[in-house]
C-alpha atoms as a PDB file:
ATOM      1  CA  MET A   1       5.598  -0.064  23.331  1.00  0.00           C
ATOM      2  CA  GLU A   2       5.764  -2.952  25.806  1.00  0.00           C
ATOM      3  CA  ALA A   3       4.292  -6.081  24.703  1.00  0.00           C
ATOM      4  CA  GLY A   4       1.753  -7.513  26.651  1.00  0.00           C
ATOM      5  CA  ARG A   5       1.064  -3.749  27.866  1.00  0.00           C
ATOM      6  CA  PRO A   6      -2.523  -2.883  29.070  1.00  0.00           C
ATOM      7  CA  ARG A   7      -3.341   0.531  26.938  1.00  0.00           C
ATOM      8  CA  PRO A   8      -6.445   2.313  27.969  1.00  0.00           C
ATOM      9  CA  ALA A   9      -8.032   4.050  24.652  1.00  0.00           C
ATOM     10  CA  PHE A  10      -6.793   7.113  23.490  1.00  0.00           C
ATOM     11  CA  GLU A  11      -4.486   7.578  26.513  1.00  0.00           C
ATOM     12  CA  MET A  12      -2.048  10.432  25.509  1.00  0.00           C
ATOM     13  CA  ASN A  13       0.904  10.452  25.335  1.00  0.00           C
ATOM     14  CA  ALA A  14       3.769  12.672  26.972  1.00  0.00           C
ATOM     15  CA  ALA A  15       6.738  11.253  25.620  1.00  0.00           C
ATOM     16  CA  THR A  16       7.943  14.085  22.670  1.00  0.00           C
ATOM     17  CA  ASP A  17       9.289  11.936  20.695  1.00  0.00           C
ATOM     18  CA  ASN A  18       8.129  11.346  16.758  1.00  0.00           C
ATOM     19  CA  SER A  19       6.275   8.742  14.830  1.00  0.00           C
ATOM     20  CA  PRO A  20       6.468   7.483  11.465  1.00  0.00           C
ATOM     21  CA  VAL A  21       3.659   9.439  10.270  1.00  0.00           C
ATOM     22  CA  PHE A  22       4.151  11.763   8.153  1.00  0.00           C
ATOM     23  CA  GLY A  23       0.677  13.201   7.205  1.00  0.00           C
ATOM     24  CA  ILE A  24      -2.759  12.058   7.712  1.00  0.00           C
ATOM     25  CA  LEU A  25      -5.001  12.405   5.156  1.00  0.00           C
ATOM     26  CA  GLN A  26      -7.935  14.928   6.010  1.00  0.00           C
ATOM     27  CA  ASN A  27     -11.474  13.268   5.811  1.00  0.00           C
ATOM     28  CA  ALA A  28     -11.776   9.403   5.957  1.00  0.00           C
ATOM     29  CA  SER A  29     -11.422   7.624   2.466  1.00  0.00           C
ATOM     30  CA  MET A  30     -14.170   4.759   1.524  1.00  0.00           C
ATOM     31  CA  VAL A  31     -11.768   3.085  -0.923  1.00  0.00           C
ATOM     32  CA  ASP A  32      -8.461   2.213   0.135  1.00  0.00           C
ATOM     33  CA  TYR A  33      -9.793  -0.980   2.721  1.00  0.00           C
ATOM     34  CA  PRO A  34     -12.076  -2.647   1.292  1.00  0.00           C
ATOM     35  CA  GLY A  35     -15.800  -2.465   2.523  1.00  0.00           C
ATOM     36  CA  ARG A  36     -14.799  -0.355   5.464  1.00  0.00           C
ATOM     37  CA  MET A  37     -14.128   3.689   6.196  1.00  0.00           C
ATOM     38  CA  ALA A  38     -10.731   4.849   6.852  1.00  0.00           C
ATOM     39  CA  ALA A  39      -8.335   6.610   7.618  1.00  0.00           C
ATOM     40  CA  VAL A  40      -5.024   7.266   5.325  1.00  0.00           C
ATOM     41  CA  LEU A  41      -1.754   7.042   7.108  1.00  0.00           C
ATOM     42  CA  PHE A  42       1.765   8.132   5.663  1.00  0.00           C
ATOM     43  CA  LEU A  43       5.198   7.139   6.167  1.00  0.00           C
ATOM     44  CA  SER A  44       8.157   9.343   3.880  1.00  0.00           C
ATOM     45  CA  GLY A  45      10.569   6.791   2.418  1.00  0.00           C
ATOM     46  CA  CYS A  46      10.610   4.785  -0.738  1.00  0.00           C
ATOM     47  CA  ASN A  47      13.401   3.045  -2.788  1.00  0.00           C
ATOM     48  CA  PHE A  48      10.952   2.870  -6.040  1.00  0.00           C
ATOM     49  CA  ARG A  49      11.298   5.414  -8.387  1.00  0.00           C
ATOM     50  CA  CYS A  50       7.927   5.170 -10.704  1.00  0.00           C
ATOM     51  CA  GLY A  51       8.018   7.760 -12.375  1.00  0.00           C
ATOM     52  CA  PHE A  52       4.241   7.772 -12.542  1.00  0.00           C
ATOM     53  CA  CYS A  53       4.488   8.350  -8.571  1.00  0.00           C
ATOM     54  CA  HIS A  54       0.968  10.205  -6.583  1.00  0.00           C
ATOM     55  CA  ASN A  55       2.915  10.215  -3.720  1.00  0.00           C
ATOM     56  CA  ALA A  56       6.491  11.404  -5.326  1.00  0.00           C
ATOM     57  CA  ASN A  57       6.780  13.820  -2.165  1.00  0.00           C
ATOM     58  CA  LEU A  58       7.416  11.031  -0.349  1.00  0.00           C
ATOM     59  CA  MET A  59       9.527   9.285  -2.550  1.00  0.00           C
ATOM     60  CA  GLY A  60      13.609   9.513  -1.913  1.00  0.00           C
ATOM     61  CA  ARG A  61      15.402   6.758   0.618  1.00  0.00           C
ATOM     62  CA  VAL A  62      15.340   9.799   3.354  1.00  0.00           C
ATOM     63  CA  VAL A  63      13.029   9.155   5.978  1.00  0.00           C
ATOM     64  CA  MET A  64      11.174  12.571   7.157  1.00  0.00           C
ATOM     65  CA  GLU A  65      10.815  13.047  10.446  1.00  0.00           C
ATOM     66  CA  GLY A  66       7.050  12.313  11.324  1.00  0.00           C
ATOM     67  CA  LEU A  67       4.450  13.577  13.427  1.00  0.00           C
ATOM     68  CA  SER A  68       4.498  13.599  17.278  1.00  0.00           C
ATOM     69  CA  TRP A  69       2.631  10.580  18.698  1.00  0.00           C
ATOM     70  CA  ALA A  70       0.620  13.321  20.798  1.00  0.00           C
ATOM     71  CA  ASP A  71      -0.923  14.622  17.530  1.00  0.00           C
ATOM     72  CA  VAL A  72      -1.044  11.253  15.496  1.00  0.00           C
ATOM     73  CA  GLU A  73      -3.131  10.262  19.650  1.00  0.00           C
ATOM     74  CA  ALA A  74      -5.296  12.854  18.591  1.00  0.00           C
ATOM     75  CA  THR A  75      -6.399  13.043  15.421  1.00  0.00           C
ATOM     76  CA  CYS A  76      -7.179   8.996  15.563  1.00  0.00           C
ATOM     77  CA  ARG A  77      -9.164   9.975  18.691  1.00  0.00           C
ATOM     78  CA  LYS A  78     -10.956  12.592  16.113  1.00  0.00           C
ATOM     79  CA  PHE A  79     -11.687  10.104  13.800  1.00  0.00           C
ATOM     80  CA  ARG A  80     -12.615   7.029  16.303  1.00  0.00           C
ATOM     81  CA  GLU A  81     -15.236   9.526  17.482  1.00  0.00           C
ATOM     82  CA  ASN A  82     -16.627   9.644  14.226  1.00  0.00           C
ATOM     83  CA  TRP A  83     -16.904   6.372  13.584  1.00  0.00           C
ATOM     84  CA  VAL A  84     -13.855   5.397  11.646  1.00  0.00           C
ATOM     85  CA  GLN A  85     -12.677   1.981  13.012  1.00  0.00           C
ATOM     86  CA  SER A  86      -9.455   1.360  10.632  1.00  0.00           C
ATOM     87  CA  MET A  87      -6.142   2.411   9.738  1.00  0.00           C
ATOM     88  CA  VAL A  88      -4.345   2.522   6.296  1.00  0.00           C
ATOM     89  CA  VAL A  89      -0.362   2.657   6.406  1.00  0.00           C
ATOM     90  CA  THR A  90       0.572   3.255   2.948  1.00  0.00           C
ATOM     91  CA  GLY A  91       3.525   5.745   2.027  1.00  0.00           C
ATOM     92  CA  GLY A  92       6.393   6.132   0.799  1.00  0.00           C
ATOM     93  CA  GLU A  93       7.113   2.207   1.566  1.00  0.00           C
ATOM     94  CA  PRO A  94       5.470   1.882   5.254  1.00  0.00           C
ATOM     95  CA  THR A  95       7.893  -1.125   5.608  1.00  0.00           C
ATOM     96  CA  LEU A  96      11.740   0.886   5.411  1.00  0.00           C
ATOM     97  CA  HIS A  97      10.418   2.945   7.922  1.00  0.00           C
ATOM     98  CA  PRO A  98      11.926   1.648  11.909  1.00  0.00           C
ATOM     99  CA  GLY A  99       9.080   2.424  13.749  1.00  0.00           C
ATOM    100  CA  ILE A 100       6.236   0.877  11.842  1.00  0.00           C
ATOM    101  CA  PHE A 101       5.904  -1.519  14.113  1.00  0.00           C
ATOM    102  CA  GLU A 102       5.381   0.399  17.306  1.00  0.00           C
ATOM    103  CA  LEU A 103       2.918   2.183  14.914  1.00  0.00           C
ATOM    104  CA  VAL A 104       1.281  -0.392  14.177  1.00  0.00           C
ATOM    105  CA  ASP A 105       1.034  -1.769  17.906  1.00  0.00           C
ATOM    106  CA  ARG A 106       0.312   1.700  19.181  1.00  0.00           C
ATOM    107  CA  LEU A 107      -2.452   1.198  15.936  1.00  0.00           C
ATOM    108  CA  LYS A 108      -3.849  -2.296  17.433  1.00  0.00           C
ATOM    109  CA  GLY A 109      -4.086  -1.235  20.603  1.00  0.00           C
ATOM    110  CA  TRP A 110      -6.495   1.707  20.343  1.00  0.00           C
ATOM    111  CA  GLY A 111      -8.918  -0.583  19.033  1.00  0.00           C
ATOM    112  CA  PHE A 112      -8.311  -0.141  14.885  1.00  0.00           C
ATOM    113  CA  ALA A 113      -8.123  -2.575  12.305  1.00  0.00           C
ATOM    114  CA  VAL A 114      -4.572  -1.632   9.692  1.00  0.00           C
ATOM    115  CA  LYS A 115      -4.192  -2.573   6.721  1.00  0.00           C
ATOM    116  CA  LEU A 116      -0.666  -1.965   5.275  1.00  0.00           C
ATOM    117  CA  ASP A 117       0.262  -0.962   2.236  1.00  0.00           C
ATOM    118  CA  THR A 118       3.939  -2.451   0.293  1.00  0.00           C
ATOM    119  CA  ASN A 119       5.697  -2.363  -2.683  1.00  0.00           C
ATOM    120  CA  GLY A 120       6.901  -5.647  -1.333  1.00  0.00           C
ATOM    121  CA  SER A 121      10.623  -4.891  -1.208  1.00  0.00           C
ATOM    122  CA  ARG A 122      11.755  -5.753   1.823  1.00  0.00           C
ATOM    123  CA  PRO A 123       9.958  -9.400   3.044  1.00  0.00           C
ATOM    124  CA  GLU A 124      12.005  -9.884   6.064  1.00  0.00           C
ATOM    125  CA  VAL A 125       9.828  -7.066   7.707  1.00  0.00           C
ATOM    126  CA  LEU A 126       7.189  -8.407   5.572  1.00  0.00           C
ATOM    127  CA  GLU A 127       6.965 -11.417   7.336  1.00  0.00           C
ATOM    128  CA  GLU A 128       7.095 -10.029  10.767  1.00  0.00           C
ATOM    129  CA  LEU A 129       4.717  -7.823  10.013  1.00  0.00           C
ATOM    130  CA  LEU A 130       2.135 -10.039   9.099  1.00  0.00           C
ATOM    131  CA  PRO A 131       0.582 -11.378  11.552  1.00  0.00           C
ATOM    132  CA  GLN A 132       0.130  -7.913  13.542  1.00  0.00           C
ATOM    133  CA  VAL A 133      -2.125  -6.553  10.762  1.00  0.00           C
ATOM    134  CA  ASP A 134      -5.672  -6.724   9.483  1.00  0.00           C
ATOM    135  CA  TYR A 135      -5.512  -7.018   5.238  1.00  0.00           C
ATOM    136  CA  VAL A 136      -2.417  -6.019   3.228  1.00  0.00           C
ATOM    137  CA  ALA A 137      -2.214  -4.713  -0.220  1.00  0.00           C
ATOM    138  CA  MET A 138       0.798  -5.169  -2.671  1.00  0.00           C
ATOM    139  CA  ASP A 139       1.655  -3.629  -5.494  1.00  0.00           C
ATOM    140  CA  VAL A 140       2.673  -5.896  -8.637  1.00  0.00           C
ATOM    141  CA  LYS A 141       3.173  -2.944 -10.717  1.00  0.00           C
ATOM    142  CA  PHE A 142       4.986  -4.673 -13.824  1.00  0.00           C
ATOM    143  CA  ALA A 143       5.976  -8.561 -15.648  1.00  0.00           C
ATOM    144  CA  PRO A 144       9.329  -9.799 -13.769  1.00  0.00           C
ATOM    145  CA  GLU A 145      11.294  -8.486 -16.735  1.00  0.00           C
ATOM    146  CA  GLU A 146      10.591  -5.541 -16.631  1.00  0.00           C
ATOM    147  CA  TYR A 147      10.484  -3.975 -12.943  1.00  0.00           C
ATOM    148  CA  GLU A 148      14.078  -2.397 -12.917  1.00  0.00           C
ATOM    149  CA  GLU A 149      13.001  -0.268 -15.673  1.00  0.00           C
ATOM    150  CA  ARG A 150      10.112   0.296 -14.431  1.00  0.00           C
ATOM    151  CA  THR A 151      10.664   1.265 -10.901  1.00  0.00           C
ATOM    152  CA  GLY A 152      14.834   1.171 -10.027  1.00  0.00           C
ATOM    153  CA  PHE A 153      13.678  -1.772  -8.562  1.00  0.00           C
ATOM    154  CA  GLY A 154      15.841  -5.329  -9.343  1.00  0.00           C
ATOM    155  CA  ARG A 155      15.474  -7.546  -6.720  1.00  0.00           C
ATOM    156  CA  ILE A 156      13.280  -9.875  -7.999  1.00  0.00           C
ATOM    157  CA  GLU A 157      13.383 -12.348  -5.103  1.00  0.00           C
ATOM    158  CA  ALA A 158      12.560 -10.297  -2.459  1.00  0.00           C
ATOM    159  CA  LEU A 159       9.480  -9.209  -4.042  1.00  0.00           C
ATOM    160  CA  SER A 160       8.801 -12.680  -5.246  1.00  0.00           C
ATOM    161  CA  ARG A 161       9.024 -13.757  -1.377  1.00  0.00           C
ATOM    162  CA  SER A 162       6.774 -11.173  -0.443  1.00  0.00           C
ATOM    163  CA  ILE A 163       4.061 -12.679  -3.138  1.00  0.00           C
ATOM    164  CA  ASP A 164       5.005 -16.009  -1.557  1.00  0.00           C
ATOM    165  CA  LEU A 165       4.417 -14.855   1.761  1.00  0.00           C
ATOM    166  CA  ILE A 166       0.846 -12.674   1.532  1.00  0.00           C
ATOM    167  CA  ARG A 167      -0.557 -15.794  -0.744  1.00  0.00           C
ATOM    168  CA  GLY A 168      -0.297 -18.506   2.047  1.00  0.00           C
ATOM    169  CA  THR A 169      -1.432 -15.621   5.096  1.00  0.00           C
ATOM    170  CA  SER A 170      -5.010 -15.944   6.813  1.00  0.00           C
ATOM    171  CA  VAL A 171      -5.111 -12.762   7.015  1.00  0.00           C
ATOM    172  CA  GLY A 172      -7.067 -10.435   4.085  1.00  0.00           C
ATOM    173  CA  TYR A 173      -4.888  -9.111   0.832  1.00  0.00           C
ATOM    174  CA  GLU A 174      -5.537  -8.406  -2.773  1.00  0.00           C
ATOM    175  CA  PHE A 175      -2.789  -7.816  -4.908  1.00  0.00           C
ATOM    176  CA  ARG A 176      -2.842  -4.651  -7.588  1.00  0.00           C
ATOM    177  CA  THR A 177      -1.511  -3.595 -10.644  1.00  0.00           C
ATOM    178  CA  THR A 178      -1.888   0.269 -11.692  1.00  0.00           C
ATOM    179  CA  VAL A 179      -2.830  -0.422 -16.022  1.00  0.00           C
ATOM    180  CA  ILE A 180      -1.047   2.702 -17.819  1.00  0.00           C
ATOM    181  CA  ASP A 181      -1.981   1.646 -21.281  1.00  0.00           C
ATOM    182  CA  ALA A 182       0.818   2.094 -22.971  1.00  0.00           C
ATOM    183  CA  TRP A 183       2.651   0.082 -20.657  1.00  0.00           C
ATOM    184  CA  HIS A 184       0.438  -3.135 -20.289  1.00  0.00           C
ATOM    185  CA  ASN A 185      -1.149  -5.331 -22.786  1.00  0.00           C
ATOM    186  CA  GLU A 186      -2.578  -9.428 -22.711  1.00  0.00           C
ATOM    187  CA  ASP A 187       0.778 -10.670 -22.136  1.00  0.00           C
ATOM    188  CA  LYS A 188       2.270  -8.322 -19.386  1.00  0.00           C
ATOM    189  CA  MET A 189      -1.367  -9.410 -17.488  1.00  0.00           C
ATOM    190  CA  ARG A 190       0.004 -12.928 -18.142  1.00  0.00           C
ATOM    191  CA  ALA A 191       3.072 -12.967 -17.016  1.00  0.00           C
ATOM    192  CA  ILE A 192       1.825 -10.978 -13.278  1.00  0.00           C
ATOM    193  CA  GLY A 193      -0.971 -13.522 -13.431  1.00  0.00           C
ATOM    194  CA  GLU A 194       1.598 -16.336 -13.428  1.00  0.00           C
ATOM    195  CA  TRP A 195       3.620 -14.367 -11.324  1.00  0.00           C
ATOM    196  CA  VAL A 196       1.051 -14.153  -8.204  1.00  0.00           C
ATOM    197  CA  ARG A 197      -0.800 -17.483  -9.941  1.00  0.00           C
ATOM    198  CA  GLY A 198      -3.149 -18.964  -7.303  1.00  0.00           C
ATOM    199  CA  ALA A 199      -3.752 -16.124  -5.121  1.00  0.00           C
ATOM    200  CA  ARG A 200      -7.137 -14.966  -4.224  1.00  0.00           C
ATOM    201  CA  ARG A 201      -8.058 -11.524  -5.288  1.00  0.00           C
ATOM    202  CA  HIS A 202      -5.889  -9.387  -7.828  1.00  0.00           C
ATOM    203  CA  VAL A 203      -6.913  -5.606  -8.241  1.00  0.00           C
ATOM    204  CA  LEU A 204      -6.498  -3.598 -11.028  1.00  0.00           C
ATOM    205  CA  GLN A 205      -6.859   0.307 -11.176  1.00  0.00           C
ATOM    206  CA  GLY A 206      -6.537   2.620 -13.601  1.00  0.00           C
ATOM    207  CA  PHE A 207      -3.932   5.174 -13.964  1.00  0.00           C
ATOM    208  CA  VAL A 208      -4.873   8.845 -13.739  1.00  0.00           C
ATOM    209  CA  PRO A 209      -1.774  11.089 -15.226  1.00  0.00           C
ATOM    210  CA  HIS A 210      -1.172  14.434 -12.976  1.00  0.00           C
ATOM    211  CA  GLU A 211       1.043  17.540 -14.422  1.00  0.00           C
ATOM    212  CA  ASN A 212       3.381  17.033 -10.854  1.00  0.00           C
ATOM    213  CA  LEU A 213       4.231  12.854 -11.568  1.00  0.00           C
ATOM    214  CA  PRO A 214       7.876  12.930 -11.632  1.00  0.00           C
ATOM    215  CA  ASP A 215       8.151  11.847 -14.973  1.00  0.00           C
ATOM    216  CA  PRO A 216       7.171  14.122 -17.486  1.00  0.00           C
ATOM    217  CA  SER A 217       6.871  11.806 -19.990  1.00  0.00           C
ATOM    218  CA  CYS A 218       3.870  10.312 -17.554  1.00  0.00           C
ATOM    219  CA  ARG A 219       2.383  13.525 -17.051  1.00  0.00           C
ATOM    220  CA  VAL A 220       0.652  13.568 -20.776  1.00  0.00           C
ATOM    221  CA  MET A 221      -0.393   9.446 -20.589  1.00  0.00           C
ATOM    222  CA  LYS A 222      -4.282   9.116 -21.238  1.00  0.00           C
ATOM    223  CA  GLU A 223      -6.148   7.797 -18.747  1.00  0.00           C
ATOM    224  CA  THR A 224      -7.128   3.866 -18.889  1.00  0.00           C
ATOM    225  CA  PRO A 225     -10.382   3.170 -20.641  1.00  0.00           C
ATOM    226  CA  SER A 226     -12.343   1.027 -18.989  1.00  0.00           C
ATOM    227  CA  ALA A 227     -12.458  -1.221 -21.366  1.00  0.00           C
ATOM    228  CA  THR A 228      -8.428  -2.206 -20.870  1.00  0.00           C
ATOM    229  CA  LEU A 229      -9.059  -2.392 -17.392  1.00  0.00           C
ATOM    230  CA  HIS A 230     -11.963  -5.546 -18.343  1.00  0.00           C
ATOM    231  CA  ARG A 231      -9.826  -6.841 -20.988  1.00  0.00           C
ATOM    232  CA  LEU A 232      -6.836  -7.684 -18.919  1.00  0.00           C
ATOM    233  CA  ALA A 233      -8.890  -8.298 -15.639  1.00  0.00           C
ATOM    234  CA  ASP A 234     -10.407 -11.528 -18.385  1.00  0.00           C
ATOM    235  CA  VAL A 235      -7.047 -12.056 -18.707  1.00  0.00           C
ATOM    236  CA  LEU A 236      -5.861 -12.365 -15.356  1.00  0.00           C
ATOM    237  CA  ARG A 237      -8.881 -14.063 -14.407  1.00  0.00           C
ATOM    238  CA  GLY A 238      -7.032 -17.322 -15.519  1.00  0.00           C
ATOM    239  CA  TYR A 239      -5.013 -17.310 -12.956  1.00  0.00           C
ATOM    240  CA  VAL A 240      -6.192 -15.632  -9.597  1.00  0.00           C
ATOM    241  CA  GLU A 241      -9.086 -16.623  -7.702  1.00  0.00           C
ATOM    242  CA  GLN A 242     -11.133 -13.236  -7.394  1.00  0.00           C
ATOM    243  CA  VAL A 243     -10.018  -9.826  -9.969  1.00  0.00           C
ATOM    244  CA  ASP A 244     -11.872  -6.489  -9.347  1.00  0.00           C
ATOM    245  CA  VAL A 245     -11.669  -3.646 -11.341  1.00  0.00           C
ATOM    246  CA  ARG A 246     -11.125  -0.202  -9.520  1.00  0.00           C
ATOM    247  CA  GLY A 247     -10.948   3.371 -10.444  1.00  0.00           C
ATOM    248  CA  GLU A 248     -12.705   2.735 -14.493  1.00  0.00           C
ATOM    249  CA  PHE A 249     -13.018   6.029 -16.977  1.00  0.00           C
END
């Protein structure tokens, strides 16, 4: 869509080309966008190989064909009619998709606040997107030395660049870590803290096992207890302004 072109809210697009949106959560979420009720849009394709991923059907480098723009617009209109004013763009890894810029542009043109979820692997894309979104959440999954073993992605310099970009942005943001009791301890959290030192906000969330996780060993891991989350949050508070715990058990 051309920059600066006036767009009436929810003008139905007659084009038949597909959007980058692979799926849309049926109901609005109260937890995916801090302080807001939001719809959640999923994009396919991911360059990580996390064995504990709950969106494993979206993994893989291949970006799958998305919904039509008309379907996306119609669904967004229904959400807006039900007082949903925010959108979460997640994945997969949204920055892999060449249509991410048009998607954000359209969502903003329709009057939605936009939150971007990212793994931080493509700082060159993130740098262009940051001025266009209202909130960004980057997963900082492990200490740098563990990344390649746990995720299959070893370009630490790219992740560090994304952390720097986010720490320097004026938009709302959070870093977040899914805490797995068997893998995260105080020393690992100190290493993560050093990596994101000076950040405004970091969220720790509990791991939940599921029978469809990609790695069979992760399917039988235990849920992260609340005590572990709070203990590691106390460690992280030495590095980050605000540390929150989400998903306690």
